[in-house]
Amino acid sequence: MFEVRRSIRRFREDPDWVYEKHSTADYAEFDKRGYPFSIEAGNGALRDVLRGTVAGYPVTLGHVLVRTRPPSRGGALHDFSIAALDLPRALPATAVTYRRLAAKWRADSAWPIPPGIWEQHPLPGGGPGAQVERVCADYEFGEMLITDEVKQLTAQAEIGWRIDRARLIGWTDGRRGYEELIVLAERLAALVAAFPAATWQWREWS
């Protein structure tokens, strides 16, 4: 925790970054019905928000505080860290999650992406031995997007990520320093570079 505070102090003094202790406006823009926000049972909070640029992309870094179940049922507060990278355009809701991360935080009320048609036709390939779990609201898009390279990059980073309209949200558990979150943003940029060219010609999605 001390290192995280030191990290906050360093970046608050950096003119290349904009810091906000609380950022309700940004938080409202995130669809909370997907990881890591959907792991909560009550209202979460996005804190210590840092905005800047990584690998040429506008990014939002921050910490998410969530409650896994109601206080009456022994609920506890947990920290998650996110890096959100702005994409050139909106794409279908998609999530790929490192299997150990998904297994650690799975809950009955937790959804990788907002509930919808994908529940009736989930992507295959998540059986024994798989390194990642994957799901996409557009089955054909998911089959095209989630290549072996994309899965490998996700597993190597040991993270989860999901597409939230025109934003790619990468996440992991724990309260991480901004230096680590910048590395996470760089890994997201590498993922975007690995997306097939057909990604950007996909039919309109809202």
C-alpha atoms as a PDB file:
ATOM      1  CA  MET A   1       0.000   0.000   0.000  1.00  0.00           C
ATOM      2  CA  PHE A   2       2.860   2.386   0.806  1.00  0.00           C
ATOM      3  CA  GLU A   3       4.357   1.848  -2.662  1.00  0.00           C
ATOM      4  CA  VAL A   4       0.979   2.587  -4.250  1.00  0.00           C
ATOM      5  CA  ARG A   5       0.749   5.873  -2.349  1.00  0.00           C
ATOM      6  CA  ARG A   6       4.262   6.790  -3.484  1.00  0.00           C
ATOM      7  CA  SER A   7       3.259   5.943  -7.046  1.00  0.00           C
ATOM      8  CA  ILE A   8       0.212   8.220  -6.776  1.00  0.00           C
ATOM      9  CA  ARG A   9       2.356  11.061  -5.465  1.00  0.00           C
ATOM     10  CA  ARG A  10       4.882  10.717  -8.282  1.00  0.00           C
ATOM     11  CA  PHE A  11       2.281  10.786 -11.032  1.00  0.00           C
ATOM     12  CA  ARG A  12       0.240  13.613  -9.496  1.00  0.00           C
ATOM     13  CA  GLU A  13       3.329  15.769  -9.998  1.00  0.00           C
ATOM     14  CA  ASP A  14       3.873  14.642 -13.611  1.00  0.00           C
ATOM     15  CA  PRO A  15       2.496  17.205 -16.136  1.00  0.00           C
ATOM     16  CA  ASP A  16       1.914  14.442 -18.710  1.00  0.00           C
ATOM     17  CA  TRP A  17      -0.786  12.903 -16.522  1.00  0.00           C
ATOM     18  CA  VAL A  18      -4.079  14.163 -15.074  1.00  0.00           C
ATOM     19  CA  TYR A  19      -5.005  12.793 -11.647  1.00  0.00           C
ATOM     20  CA  GLU A  20      -8.392  12.670  -9.896  1.00  0.00           C
ATOM     21  CA  LYS A  21      -9.010  11.147  -6.486  1.00  0.00           C
ATOM     22  CA  HIS A  22     -12.617  10.328  -7.399  1.00  0.00           C
ATOM     23  CA  SER A  23     -13.986  10.341 -10.928  1.00  0.00           C
ATOM     24  CA  THR A  24     -17.704   9.653 -10.968  1.00  0.00           C
ATOM     25  CA  ALA A  25     -18.071  10.881 -14.552  1.00  0.00           C
ATOM     26  CA  ASP A  26     -15.570   8.362 -15.933  1.00  0.00           C
ATOM     27  CA  TYR A  27     -16.993   5.590 -13.798  1.00  0.00           C
ATOM     28  CA  ALA A  28     -20.485   6.209 -15.168  1.00  0.00           C
ATOM     29  CA  GLU A  29     -19.141   5.639 -18.689  1.00  0.00           C
ATOM     30  CA  PHE A  30     -18.004   2.097 -17.886  1.00  0.00           C
ATOM     31  CA  ASP A  31     -20.593  -0.647 -18.312  1.00  0.00           C
ATOM     32  CA  LYS A  32     -20.586  -2.172 -14.834  1.00  0.00           C
ATOM     33  CA  ARG A  33     -22.239  -5.403 -16.002  1.00  0.00           C
ATOM     34  CA  GLY A  34     -18.887  -6.934 -16.936  1.00  0.00           C
ATOM     35  CA  TYR A  35     -15.567  -7.851 -15.300  1.00  0.00           C
ATOM     36  CA  PRO A  36     -14.213  -6.629 -12.956  1.00  0.00           C
ATOM     37  CA  PHE A  37     -17.184  -4.436 -11.986  1.00  0.00           C
ATOM     38  CA  SER A  38     -19.751  -7.268 -12.067  1.00  0.00           C
ATOM     39  CA  ILE A  39     -17.878  -9.154  -9.332  1.00  0.00           C
ATOM     40  CA  GLU A  40     -19.363  -6.764  -6.805  1.00  0.00           C
ATOM     41  CA  ALA A  41     -22.670  -7.175  -4.986  1.00  0.00           C
ATOM     42  CA  GLY A  42     -23.220  -3.482  -4.265  1.00  0.00           C
ATOM     43  CA  ASN A  43     -22.027  -0.159  -5.602  1.00  0.00           C
ATOM     44  CA  GLY A  44     -18.362  -0.027  -6.471  1.00  0.00           C
ATOM     45  CA  ALA A  45     -16.080   2.955  -6.690  1.00  0.00           C
ATOM     46  CA  LEU A  46     -13.412   4.021  -9.155  1.00  0.00           C
ATOM     47  CA  ARG A  47     -10.618   5.801  -7.331  1.00  0.00           C
ATOM     48  CA  ASP A  48      -7.266   7.421  -7.962  1.00  0.00           C
ATOM     49  CA  VAL A  49      -7.928   7.902 -11.653  1.00  0.00           C
ATOM     50  CA  LEU A  50      -4.985   8.793 -13.876  1.00  0.00           C
ATOM     51  CA  ARG A  51      -5.404   9.876 -17.495  1.00  0.00           C
ATOM     52  CA  GLY A  52      -2.684  10.102 -20.084  1.00  0.00           C
ATOM     53  CA  THR A  53      -1.292   8.420 -23.182  1.00  0.00           C
ATOM     54  CA  VAL A  54       0.427   5.039 -23.573  1.00  0.00           C
ATOM     55  CA  ALA A  55       1.750   3.699 -26.888  1.00  0.00           C
ATOM     56  CA  GLY A  56      -0.190   6.423 -28.702  1.00  0.00           C
ATOM     57  CA  TYR A  57      -3.554   5.539 -27.103  1.00  0.00           C
ATOM     58  CA  PRO A  58      -5.496   7.667 -24.603  1.00  0.00           C
ATOM     59  CA  VAL A  59      -5.714   5.609 -21.405  1.00  0.00           C
ATOM     60  CA  THR A  60      -7.464   5.699 -18.047  1.00  0.00           C
ATOM     61  CA  LEU A  61      -5.764   3.982 -15.113  1.00  0.00           C
ATOM     62  CA  GLY A  62      -7.374   3.437 -11.721  1.00  0.00           C
ATOM     63  CA  HIS A  63      -8.423   1.246  -8.833  1.00  0.00           C
ATOM     64  CA  VAL A  64     -11.842  -0.362  -8.415  1.00  0.00           C
ATOM     65  CA  LEU A  65     -13.183  -1.156  -4.951  1.00  0.00           C
ATOM     66  CA  VAL A  66     -15.888  -3.843  -4.960  1.00  0.00           C
ATOM     67  CA  ARG A  67     -17.813  -5.922  -2.441  1.00  0.00           C
ATOM     68  CA  THR A  68     -18.099  -9.601  -3.312  1.00  0.00           C
ATOM     69  CA  ARG A  69     -21.349 -10.216  -1.434  1.00  0.00           C
ATOM     70  CA  PRO A  70     -23.720  -8.283   0.878  1.00  0.00           C
ATOM     71  CA  PRO A  71     -22.365  -7.392   4.357  1.00  0.00           C
ATOM     72  CA  SER A  72     -25.077  -9.531   5.981  1.00  0.00           C
ATOM     73  CA  ARG A  73     -23.559 -12.584   4.270  1.00  0.00           C
ATOM     74  CA  GLY A  74     -19.997 -11.898   5.309  1.00  0.00           C
ATOM     75  CA  GLY A  75     -19.135  -9.753   2.299  1.00  0.00           C
ATOM     76  CA  ALA A  76     -15.663  -8.286   2.024  1.00  0.00           C
ATOM     77  CA  LEU A  77     -14.195  -5.382   0.097  1.00  0.00           C
ATOM     78  CA  HIS A  78     -11.605  -6.158  -2.568  1.00  0.00           C
ATOM     79  CA  ASP A  79      -9.403  -4.032  -4.779  1.00  0.00           C
ATOM     80  CA  PHE A  80      -8.960  -4.455  -8.511  1.00  0.00           C
ATOM     81  CA  SER A  81      -6.764  -2.446 -10.837  1.00  0.00           C
ATOM     82  CA  ILE A  82      -7.665  -1.446 -14.367  1.00  0.00           C
ATOM     83  CA  ALA A  83      -6.170   0.129 -17.455  1.00  0.00           C
ATOM     84  CA  ALA A  84      -8.701   1.257 -20.059  1.00  0.00           C
ATOM     85  CA  LEU A  85      -7.480   2.008 -23.560  1.00  0.00           C
ATOM     86  CA  ASP A  86      -9.567   3.996 -26.080  1.00  0.00           C
ATOM     87  CA  LEU A  87     -10.195   2.121 -29.333  1.00  0.00           C
ATOM     88  CA  PRO A  88     -10.677   3.669 -32.789  1.00  0.00           C
ATOM     89  CA  ARG A  89     -14.322   2.501 -32.897  1.00  0.00           C
ATOM     90  CA  ALA A  90     -16.984   0.555 -31.006  1.00  0.00           C
ATOM     91  CA  LEU A  91     -16.788  -3.252 -31.246  1.00  0.00           C
ATOM     92  CA  PRO A  92     -18.946  -6.153 -29.985  1.00  0.00           C
ATOM     93  CA  ALA A  93     -18.735  -6.879 -26.247  1.00  0.00           C
ATOM     94  CA  THR A  94     -16.007  -9.484 -25.817  1.00  0.00           C
ATOM     95  CA  ALA A  95     -13.992 -10.820 -22.884  1.00  0.00           C
ATOM     96  CA  VAL A  96     -10.914 -13.014 -22.540  1.00  0.00           C
ATOM     97  CA  THR A  97      -9.809 -13.856 -19.014  1.00  0.00           C
ATOM     98  CA  TYR A  98      -6.755 -15.705 -17.741  1.00  0.00           C
ATOM     99  CA  ARG A  99      -8.272 -18.882 -16.295  1.00  0.00           C
ATOM    100  CA  ARG A 100      -6.733 -18.647 -12.822  1.00  0.00           C
ATOM    101  CA  LEU A 101      -7.951 -15.078 -12.455  1.00  0.00           C
ATOM    102  CA  ALA A 102     -11.460 -16.039 -13.527  1.00  0.00           C
ATOM    103  CA  ALA A 103     -11.506 -19.057 -11.204  1.00  0.00           C
ATOM    104  CA  LYS A 104     -10.361 -16.991  -8.231  1.00  0.00           C
ATOM    105  CA  TRP A 105     -13.117 -14.381  -8.565  1.00  0.00           C
ATOM    106  CA  ARG A 106     -15.982 -16.340 -10.082  1.00  0.00           C
ATOM    107  CA  ALA A 107     -19.333 -15.673  -8.425  1.00  0.00           C
ATOM    108  CA  ASP A 108     -22.935 -16.487  -9.312  1.00  0.00           C
ATOM    109  CA  SER A 109     -23.639 -12.828 -10.034  1.00  0.00           C
ATOM    110  CA  ALA A 110     -20.404 -12.086 -11.915  1.00  0.00           C
ATOM    111  CA  TRP A 111     -20.554 -11.700 -15.694  1.00  0.00           C
ATOM    112  CA  PRO A 112     -17.563 -11.412 -18.068  1.00  0.00           C
ATOM    113  CA  ILE A 113     -19.604  -9.096 -20.316  1.00  0.00           C
ATOM    114  CA  PRO A 114     -23.189  -7.794 -20.000  1.00  0.00           C
ATOM    115  CA  PRO A 115     -25.684 -10.676 -20.100  1.00  0.00           C
ATOM    116  CA  GLY A 116     -27.313 -11.272 -23.476  1.00  0.00           C
ATOM    117  CA  ILE A 117     -27.429 -13.475 -26.513  1.00  0.00           C
ATOM    118  CA  TRP A 118     -23.947 -14.931 -25.866  1.00  0.00           C
ATOM    119  CA  GLU A 119     -25.423 -16.937 -22.961  1.00  0.00           C
ATOM    120  CA  GLN A 120     -27.318 -19.078 -25.466  1.00  0.00           C
ATOM    121  CA  HIS A 121     -24.345 -19.616 -27.784  1.00  0.00           C
ATOM    122  CA  PRO A 122     -21.040 -19.270 -25.870  1.00  0.00           C
ATOM    123  CA  LEU A 123     -17.703 -19.551 -27.591  1.00  0.00           C
ATOM    124  CA  PRO A 124     -16.188 -23.037 -27.435  1.00  0.00           C
ATOM    125  CA  GLY A 125     -12.675 -23.862 -26.291  1.00  0.00           C
ATOM    126  CA  GLY A 126     -12.871 -23.224 -22.554  1.00  0.00           C
ATOM    127  CA  GLY A 127     -12.513 -26.825 -21.426  1.00  0.00           C
ATOM    128  CA  PRO A 128      -9.804 -28.576 -19.392  1.00  0.00           C
ATOM    129  CA  GLY A 129      -6.296 -27.368 -20.190  1.00  0.00           C
ATOM    130  CA  ALA A 130      -7.410 -24.056 -21.637  1.00  0.00           C
ATOM    131  CA  GLN A 131      -5.362 -21.091 -20.429  1.00  0.00           C
ATOM    132  CA  VAL A 132      -8.116 -18.537 -20.926  1.00  0.00           C
ATOM    133  CA  GLU A 133     -11.874 -18.258 -20.737  1.00  0.00           C
ATOM    134  CA  ARG A 134     -13.602 -16.374 -23.534  1.00  0.00           C
ATOM    135  CA  VAL A 135     -17.008 -15.039 -24.411  1.00  0.00           C
ATOM    136  CA  CYS A 136     -18.394 -12.650 -27.021  1.00  0.00           C
ATOM    137  CA  ALA A 137     -21.798 -11.135 -27.703  1.00  0.00           C
ATOM    138  CA  ASP A 138     -21.224 -11.678 -31.441  1.00  0.00           C
ATOM    139  CA  TYR A 139     -20.247 -15.314 -31.978  1.00  0.00           C
ATOM    140  CA  GLU A 140     -18.709 -14.779 -35.422  1.00  0.00           C
ATOM    141  CA  PHE A 141     -16.750 -11.755 -34.234  1.00  0.00           C
ATOM    142  CA  GLY A 142     -15.373 -13.701 -31.276  1.00  0.00           C
ATOM    143  CA  GLU A 143     -14.240 -16.589 -33.478  1.00  0.00           C
ATOM    144  CA  MET A 144     -12.442 -14.127 -35.752  1.00  0.00           C
ATOM    145  CA  LEU A 145     -10.925 -11.927 -33.033  1.00  0.00           C
ATOM    146  CA  ILE A 146      -9.684 -14.442 -30.462  1.00  0.00           C
ATOM    147  CA  THR A 147      -6.786 -16.019 -32.300  1.00  0.00           C
ATOM    148  CA  ASP A 148      -4.128 -18.240 -30.759  1.00  0.00           C
ATOM    149  CA  GLU A 149      -1.840 -15.201 -30.556  1.00  0.00           C
ATOM    150  CA  VAL A 150      -4.454 -13.167 -28.671  1.00  0.00           C
ATOM    151  CA  LYS A 151      -5.005 -16.038 -26.230  1.00  0.00           C
ATOM    152  CA  GLN A 152      -1.271 -16.472 -25.748  1.00  0.00           C
ATOM    153  CA  LEU A 153      -0.706 -12.758 -25.049  1.00  0.00           C
ATOM    154  CA  THR A 154      -3.518 -12.813 -22.481  1.00  0.00           C
ATOM    155  CA  ALA A 155      -2.164 -15.907 -20.732  1.00  0.00           C
ATOM    156  CA  GLN A 156       1.387 -14.560 -20.676  1.00  0.00           C
ATOM    157  CA  ALA A 157       0.205 -11.333 -19.037  1.00  0.00           C
ATOM    158  CA  GLU A 158      -2.054 -13.273 -16.599  1.00  0.00           C
ATOM    159  CA  ILE A 159      -4.801 -10.657 -16.965  1.00  0.00           C
ATOM    160  CA  GLY A 160      -8.388 -10.311 -18.023  1.00  0.00           C
ATOM    161  CA  TRP A 161      -9.655  -7.882 -20.634  1.00  0.00           C
ATOM    162  CA  ARG A 162     -12.909  -6.995 -22.261  1.00  0.00           C
ATOM    163  CA  ILE A 163     -14.212  -4.725 -24.980  1.00  0.00           C
ATOM    164  CA  ASP A 164     -16.684  -2.154 -23.668  1.00  0.00           C
ATOM    165  CA  ARG A 165     -17.897  -0.374 -26.802  1.00  0.00           C
ATOM    166  CA  ALA A 166     -14.951   1.785 -27.958  1.00  0.00           C
ATOM    167  CA  ARG A 167     -12.819   0.918 -24.939  1.00  0.00           C
ATOM    168  CA  LEU A 168     -10.576  -2.015 -24.044  1.00  0.00           C
ATOM    169  CA  ILE A 169     -10.546  -2.610 -20.283  1.00  0.00           C
ATOM    170  CA  GLY A 170      -7.682  -4.661 -18.877  1.00  0.00           C
ATOM    171  CA  TRP A 171      -7.869  -5.750 -15.261  1.00  0.00           C
ATOM    172  CA  THR A 172      -6.174  -7.696 -12.527  1.00  0.00           C
ATOM    173  CA  ASP A 173      -6.721  -8.123  -8.808  1.00  0.00           C
ATOM    174  CA  GLY A 174      -4.983  -6.127  -6.106  1.00  0.00           C
ATOM    175  CA  ARG A 175      -4.168  -2.463  -5.790  1.00  0.00           C
ATOM    176  CA  ARG A 176      -1.250  -1.923  -8.145  1.00  0.00           C
ATOM    177  CA  GLY A 177       1.075   1.032  -8.592  1.00  0.00           C
ATOM    178  CA  TYR A 178       0.733   3.133 -11.719  1.00  0.00           C
ATOM    179  CA  GLU A 179       4.008   1.794 -13.074  1.00  0.00           C
ATOM    180  CA  GLU A 180       2.394  -1.660 -13.186  1.00  0.00           C
ATOM    181  CA  LEU A 181      -0.775  -0.232 -14.719  1.00  0.00           C
ATOM    182  CA  ILE A 182       1.223   1.445 -17.469  1.00  0.00           C
ATOM    183  CA  VAL A 183       2.735  -1.980 -18.238  1.00  0.00           C
ATOM    184  CA  LEU A 184      -0.828  -3.347 -18.334  1.00  0.00           C
ATOM    185  CA  ALA A 185      -1.796  -0.592 -20.804  1.00  0.00           C
ATOM    186  CA  GLU A 186       1.232  -1.467 -22.944  1.00  0.00           C
ATOM    187  CA  ARG A 187       0.106  -5.089 -22.993  1.00  0.00           C
ATOM    188  CA  LEU A 188      -3.348  -3.977 -24.098  1.00  0.00           C
ATOM    189  CA  ALA A 189      -1.748  -2.011 -26.926  1.00  0.00           C
ATOM    190  CA  ALA A 190       0.100  -5.188 -27.941  1.00  0.00           C
ATOM    191  CA  LEU A 191      -3.218  -7.045 -27.937  1.00  0.00           C
ATOM    192  CA  VAL A 192      -4.788  -4.436 -30.198  1.00  0.00           C
ATOM    193  CA  ALA A 193      -1.820  -4.764 -32.558  1.00  0.00           C
ATOM    194  CA  ALA A 194      -2.505  -8.519 -32.670  1.00  0.00           C
ATOM    195  CA  PHE A 195      -6.190  -8.084 -33.579  1.00  0.00           C
ATOM    196  CA  PRO A 196      -6.870  -9.327 -37.126  1.00  0.00           C
ATOM    197  CA  ALA A 197      -7.285  -6.602 -39.754  1.00  0.00           C
ATOM    198  CA  ALA A 198     -10.925  -7.639 -40.228  1.00  0.00           C
ATOM    199  CA  THR A 199     -11.639  -6.342 -36.697  1.00  0.00           C
ATOM    200  CA  TRP A 200     -11.810  -2.759 -37.906  1.00  0.00           C
ATOM    201  CA  GLN A 201     -14.111  -3.531 -40.851  1.00  0.00           C
ATOM    202  CA  TRP A 202     -16.657  -5.392 -38.733  1.00  0.00           C
ATOM    203  CA  ARG A 203     -20.290  -4.392 -39.011  1.00  0.00           C
ATOM    204  CA  GLU A 204     -21.444  -1.494 -36.862  1.00  0.00           C
ATOM    205  CA  TRP A 205     -21.929  -2.228 -33.174  1.00  0.00           C
ATOM    206  CA  SER A 206     -23.518  -0.078 -30.482  1.00  0.00           C
END
